[in-house]
Amino acid sequence: MEQHQNEVRRAAAQAFAESLDQLQKTLQADGRPPTTAQPQPEKVAPVPNSNSKATPTRPALADWEAAVADIEQFIEARRSS
């Protein structure tokens, strides 16, 4: 059972790496330098909630920036190894 889980994890990691490679190629094929301008988020109407704290309906910009930084770090680590 453990061997099967390891094989599934290895296949998932390989698929993820291939997806990142494809994303990198797509971004490089665009030919444009990366922009530093931040797009303005669209306004989202608050959803009524019975809880006293409102929960966000979508990730914050900082969350997206952190995710992009993680992906870039992963790609750089793969290049150097």
Protein backbone atom coordinates (compact mmCIF):
# COMPACT_ATOMS: atom_id res chain seq x y z
CA MET A 1 0.00 0.00 0.00
CA GLU A 2 2.80 2.41 0.91
CA GLN A 3 4.58 1.72 -2.38
CA HIS A 4 1.40 2.58 -4.28
CA GLN A 5 1.10 5.87 -2.39
CA ASN A 6 4.71 6.70 -3.20
CA GLU A 7 4.10 5.98 -6.89
CA VAL A 8 1.01 8.19 -6.89
CA ARG A 9 2.93 10.99 -5.18
CA ARG A 10 5.82 10.65 -7.61
CA ALA A 11 3.43 10.79 -10.58
CA ALA A 12 1.69 13.83 -9.12
CA ALA A 13 5.02 15.58 -8.54
CA GLN A 14 6.08 14.83 -12.10
CA ALA A 15 2.79 16.13 -13.51
CA PHE A 16 3.14 19.27 -11.41
CA ALA A 17 6.71 19.84 -12.63
CA GLU A 18 5.61 19.36 -16.24
CA SER A 19 2.81 21.87 -15.73
CA LEU A 20 5.27 24.38 -14.32
CA ASP A 21 7.58 23.84 -17.29
CA GLN A 22 4.68 24.40 -19.67
CA LEU A 23 3.69 27.56 -17.81
CA GLN A 24 7.25 28.84 -17.96
CA LYS A 25 7.46 28.17 -21.71
CA THR A 26 4.15 29.93 -22.26
CA LEU A 27 5.29 32.96 -20.29
CA GLN A 28 8.62 33.08 -22.14
CA ALA A 29 6.92 32.68 -25.53
CA ASP A 30 4.89 35.77 -24.81
CA GLY A 31 8.03 37.80 -25.49
CA ARG A 32 7.05 40.68 -23.29
CA PRO A 33 9.04 41.62 -20.19
CA PRO A 34 7.15 41.09 -16.94
CA THR A 35 5.10 44.06 -15.90
CA THR A 36 5.30 45.57 -12.46
CA ALA A 37 1.94 47.30 -12.64
CA GLN A 38 -0.61 45.65 -10.42
CA PRO A 39 -4.05 45.07 -11.93
CA GLN A 40 -6.90 46.61 -10.04
CA PRO A 41 -9.09 43.97 -8.41
CA GLU A 42 -12.71 44.06 -9.36
CA LYS A 43 -15.14 45.02 -6.65
CA VAL A 44 -17.05 42.16 -5.13
CA ALA A 45 -20.30 42.72 -3.30
CA PRO A 46 -20.21 41.37 0.25
CA VAL A 47 -22.14 38.19 0.83
CA PRO A 48 -24.50 38.27 3.81
CA ASN A 49 -23.21 35.98 6.52
CA SER A 50 -24.72 34.96 9.81
CA ASN A 51 -21.26 34.93 11.42
CA SER A 52 -20.03 38.09 13.07
CA LYS A 53 -16.83 38.04 10.97
CA ALA A 54 -17.09 38.36 7.21
CA THR A 55 -15.11 35.76 5.29
CA PRO A 56 -13.31 36.78 2.10
CA THR A 57 -14.78 35.31 -1.06
CA ARG A 58 -11.49 35.30 -2.94
CA PRO A 59 -7.78 35.34 -2.11
CA ALA A 60 -6.12 38.64 -1.35
CA LEU A 61 -3.54 40.10 -3.69
CA ALA A 62 -0.81 39.31 -1.17
CA ASP A 63 -1.81 35.64 -1.32
CA TRP A 64 -1.42 35.63 -5.11
CA GLU A 65 1.94 37.40 -4.88
CA ALA A 66 3.15 34.85 -2.33
CA ALA A 67 2.02 31.98 -4.56
CA VAL A 68 3.83 33.44 -7.58
CA ALA A 69 6.98 33.92 -5.49
CA ASP A 70 6.79 30.29 -4.37
CA ILE A 71 6.45 29.08 -7.96
CA GLU A 72 9.36 31.25 -9.11
CA GLN A 73 11.50 29.95 -6.25
CA PHE A 74 10.61 26.37 -7.21
CA ILE A 75 11.53 26.98 -10.86
CA GLU A 76 14.87 28.57 -9.91
CA ALA A 77 15.66 25.65 -7.59
CA ARG A 78 14.95 23.20 -10.42
CA ARG A 79 17.21 25.14 -12.78
CA SER A 80 20.13 25.14 -10.36
CA SER A 81 19.92 21.43 -9.59
